[in-house]
């Protein structure tokens, strides 16, 4: 997981706390999942820090972090583990009364990535750009994160119609993965009834 010295500013000379608060900071990871699958396995993974996350990080940042000091730690100052995050999500689901759906799916930390990917795709972010933002090597992986429904597709069609009415050329056609909601359970062999 990320350490404080993995944070950098986008613009040289800007103090890190100022960059965090302005949403102009980056998390530069040199060791991360699937690094070896990349074309350049030595290239770092760069994650943009949003202003909201930046403000949170600025609030919790120690005055003088030590090299390698992890950002997210537990009450004993030990770095969070993947298992600790899973256990936290399980406690939150229980506290909030979230049950598994009819397919046995439940809310987990990755649910937020899927929701973000779906919203980004529904708002016109291209698969290649979304793949880079999510840290995916292949756009094929990104497509699995997108769960577009008929409403998303209708909104895209309406945007396209409005752009044509304004005299703007239509954007290039883009293949969208079929939506599980649009296809229903019959299209999903893992959930055949």
Protein backbone atom coordinates (compact mmCIF):
# COMPACT_ATOMS: atom_id res chain seq x y z
CA UNK A 1 0.00 0.00 0.00
CA UNK A 2 1.01 3.61 -0.56
CA UNK A 3 3.53 5.51 1.55
CA UNK A 4 3.76 9.25 2.15
CA UNK A 5 6.90 9.52 0.04
CA UNK A 6 4.92 8.12 -2.94
CA UNK A 7 3.05 11.46 -3.10
CA UNK A 8 4.33 14.09 -5.53
CA UNK A 9 3.14 17.44 -6.83
CA UNK A 10 2.15 17.89 -10.48
CA UNK A 11 4.06 21.17 -10.69
CA UNK A 12 7.62 21.51 -9.38
CA UNK A 13 8.10 24.02 -6.60
CA UNK A 14 4.56 23.73 -5.23
CA UNK A 15 4.53 22.57 -1.58
CA UNK A 16 2.95 19.12 -1.23
CA UNK A 17 0.25 20.27 1.23
CA UNK A 18 -0.83 23.03 -1.18
CA UNK A 19 -0.88 20.57 -4.10
CA UNK A 20 -2.94 18.08 -2.08
CA UNK A 21 -5.54 20.70 -1.15
CA UNK A 22 -5.75 21.93 -4.76
CA UNK A 23 -6.08 18.44 -6.25
CA UNK A 24 -2.73 18.79 -8.02
CA UNK A 25 -0.92 15.88 -6.41
CA UNK A 26 -0.07 12.43 -7.68
CA UNK A 27 0.50 9.07 -6.07
CA UNK A 28 3.43 7.47 -7.91
CA UNK A 29 3.68 3.74 -7.21
CA UNK A 30 6.73 1.82 -8.27
CA UNK A 31 5.54 -1.56 -6.98
CA UNK A 32 1.92 -2.46 -7.68
CA UNK A 33 -0.32 -5.32 -8.78
CA UNK A 34 0.29 -6.59 -12.33
CA UNK A 35 3.36 -4.38 -12.84
CA UNK A 36 5.08 -7.22 -14.71
CA UNK A 37 2.22 -7.38 -17.27
CA UNK A 38 2.90 -3.85 -18.47
CA UNK A 39 4.82 -3.11 -21.65
CA UNK A 40 7.34 -1.25 -19.52
CA UNK A 41 7.47 -3.14 -16.21
CA UNK A 42 9.75 -0.46 -14.74
CA UNK A 43 7.26 2.37 -15.36
CA UNK A 44 5.50 3.62 -12.23
CA UNK A 45 1.74 3.67 -11.90
CA UNK A 46 0.50 7.23 -11.51
CA UNK A 47 -2.76 7.86 -9.66
CA UNK A 48 -4.27 11.33 -9.73
CA UNK A 49 -5.36 12.72 -6.37
CA UNK A 50 -8.74 14.47 -6.43
CA UNK A 51 -9.16 17.69 -4.41
CA UNK A 52 -11.44 15.87 -1.94
CA UNK A 53 -8.97 13.05 -1.35
CA UNK A 54 -6.14 15.59 -1.28
CA UNK A 55 -7.84 17.53 1.52
CA UNK A 56 -8.28 14.30 3.50
CA UNK A 57 -4.62 13.38 3.01
CA UNK A 58 -3.51 16.90 3.97
CA UNK A 59 -5.51 16.59 7.22
CA UNK A 60 -3.98 13.24 8.22
CA UNK A 61 -0.44 13.81 6.93
CA UNK A 62 2.15 13.74 9.73
CA UNK A 63 4.33 16.83 10.13
CA UNK A 64 7.47 14.87 9.25
CA UNK A 65 6.67 11.51 7.66
CA UNK A 66 9.52 9.02 7.70
CA UNK A 67 10.64 7.37 4.45
CA UNK A 68 8.39 4.42 3.67
CA UNK A 69 5.79 5.43 6.29
CA UNK A 70 2.44 4.10 5.10
CA UNK A 71 -0.45 6.47 4.55
CA UNK A 72 -3.24 4.30 5.92
CA UNK A 73 -2.50 2.69 9.27
CA UNK A 74 -4.58 1.13 12.02
CA UNK A 75 -4.81 2.19 15.68
CA UNK A 76 -1.50 0.41 16.40
CA UNK A 77 0.19 2.40 13.57
CA UNK A 78 0.47 -0.75 11.46
CA UNK A 79 -0.27 -0.53 7.71
CA UNK A 80 -3.69 -1.67 6.58
CA UNK A 81 -3.74 -5.06 4.95
CA UNK A 82 -6.10 -6.30 2.23
CA UNK A 83 -7.71 -8.55 4.82
CA UNK A 84 -8.26 -5.62 7.19
CA UNK A 85 -10.07 -3.74 4.41
CA UNK A 86 -12.24 -6.81 3.68
CA UNK A 87 -13.10 -7.15 7.38
CA UNK A 88 -13.95 -3.43 7.60
CA UNK A 89 -16.26 -3.73 4.59
CA UNK A 90 -17.94 -6.79 6.16
CA UNK A 91 -18.59 -4.85 9.39
CA UNK A 92 -19.95 -1.88 7.44
CA UNK A 93 -22.27 -4.14 5.40
CA UNK A 94 -23.54 -5.73 8.59
CA UNK A 95 -24.06 -2.38 10.33
CA UNK A 96 -25.91 -0.97 7.32
CA UNK A 97 -27.97 -4.12 6.74
CA UNK A 98 -26.71 -4.78 3.18
CA UNK A 99 -27.56 -8.32 2.08
CA UNK A 100 -26.30 -10.29 -0.89
CA UNK A 101 -28.34 -9.80 -4.05
CA UNK A 102 -30.09 -12.60 -5.96
CA UNK A 103 -26.77 -13.55 -7.62
CA UNK A 104 -24.88 -13.73 -4.33
CA UNK A 105 -23.07 -10.45 -5.03
CA UNK A 106 -22.31 -8.09 -2.19
CA UNK A 107 -20.83 -4.64 -1.74
CA UNK A 108 -17.05 -4.68 -1.38
CA UNK A 109 -14.25 -2.15 -1.78
CA UNK A 110 -14.16 -2.84 -5.52
CA UNK A 111 -17.85 -1.92 -5.85
CA UNK A 112 -16.79 1.71 -5.75
CA UNK A 113 -14.37 1.18 -8.66
CA UNK A 114 -17.14 -0.43 -10.69
CA UNK A 115 -19.56 2.41 -9.89
CA UNK A 116 -16.97 5.01 -10.84
CA UNK A 117 -16.17 3.20 -14.10
CA UNK A 118 -19.86 2.92 -14.97
CA UNK A 119 -20.50 6.61 -14.26
CA UNK A 120 -17.42 7.66 -16.24
CA UNK A 121 -18.43 5.54 -19.25
CA UNK A 122 -22.00 6.85 -19.05
CA UNK A 123 -20.57 10.39 -19.13
CA UNK A 124 -18.52 9.76 -22.27
CA UNK A 125 -15.06 8.90 -20.93
CA UNK A 126 -13.40 6.64 -23.51
CA UNK A 127 -12.39 3.09 -22.65
CA UNK A 128 -8.68 3.86 -23.19
CA UNK A 129 -8.71 6.90 -20.89
CA UNK A 130 -10.77 5.04 -18.30
CA UNK A 131 -8.36 2.08 -18.46
CA UNK A 132 -5.45 4.41 -17.75
CA UNK A 133 -7.30 6.07 -14.86
CA UNK A 134 -8.12 2.66 -13.34
CA UNK A 135 -4.60 1.32 -13.95
CA UNK A 136 -5.68 -1.38 -16.39
CA UNK A 137 -3.31 -2.70 -19.05
CA UNK A 138 -6.16 -3.71 -21.37
CA UNK A 139 -9.41 -1.93 -22.18
CA UNK A 140 -10.98 -5.40 -22.11
CA UNK A 141 -10.50 -5.38 -18.33
CA UNK A 142 -12.09 -1.94 -18.10
CA UNK A 143 -15.20 -3.13 -19.94
CA UNK A 144 -15.86 -5.66 -17.17
CA UNK A 145 -16.09 -2.73 -14.75
CA UNK A 146 -18.79 -0.98 -16.74
CA UNK A 147 -22.37 -1.93 -15.99
CA UNK A 148 -24.33 0.36 -18.29
CA UNK A 149 -28.11 0.10 -18.25
CA UNK A 150 -30.76 1.22 -20.71
CA UNK A 151 -30.96 4.61 -18.97
CA UNK A 152 -27.24 5.24 -19.60
CA UNK A 153 -27.61 4.31 -23.26
CA UNK A 154 -30.73 6.49 -23.64
CA UNK A 155 -28.89 9.47 -22.13
CA UNK A 156 -25.98 8.93 -24.55
CA UNK A 157 -28.38 8.79 -27.48
CA UNK A 158 -30.04 12.01 -26.30
CA UNK A 159 -26.64 13.74 -25.99
CA UNK A 160 -25.75 12.60 -29.50
CA UNK A 161 -29.06 13.94 -30.86
CA UNK A 162 -28.53 17.32 -29.14
CA UNK A 163 -24.99 17.60 -30.56
CA UNK A 164 -26.23 16.85 -34.08
CA UNK A 165 -28.99 19.46 -33.71
CA UNK A 166 -26.33 22.04 -32.77
CA UNK A 167 -24.49 21.20 -36.00
CA UNK A 168 -21.62 19.37 -34.35
CA UNK A 169 -20.39 16.25 -36.07
CA UNK A 170 -21.17 12.98 -34.37
CA UNK A 171 -18.34 11.51 -32.29
CA UNK A 172 -16.75 8.33 -33.64
CA UNK A 173 -18.74 5.17 -32.95
CA UNK A 174 -17.66 3.27 -29.90
CA UNK A 175 -18.49 -0.30 -29.08
CA UNK A 176 -20.12 -0.65 -25.68
CA UNK A 177 -20.21 -3.93 -23.81
CA UNK A 178 -23.71 -5.30 -23.34
CA UNK A 179 -25.26 -4.34 -20.05
CA UNK A 180 -26.09 -7.23 -17.70
CA UNK A 181 -29.25 -5.36 -16.74
CA UNK A 182 -30.29 -4.99 -20.37
CA UNK A 183 -29.59 -8.62 -21.23
CA UNK A 184 -31.07 -10.15 -18.09
CA UNK A 185 -30.02 -13.36 -16.36
CA UNK A 186 -30.30 -15.42 -19.55
CA UNK A 187 -27.17 -13.76 -20.90
CA UNK A 188 -25.07 -14.66 -17.86
CA UNK A 189 -24.04 -18.34 -17.84
CA UNK A 190 -22.73 -18.03 -14.28
CA UNK A 191 -26.18 -17.18 -13.01
CA UNK A 192 -28.35 -19.55 -15.02
CA UNK A 193 -31.43 -20.58 -13.13
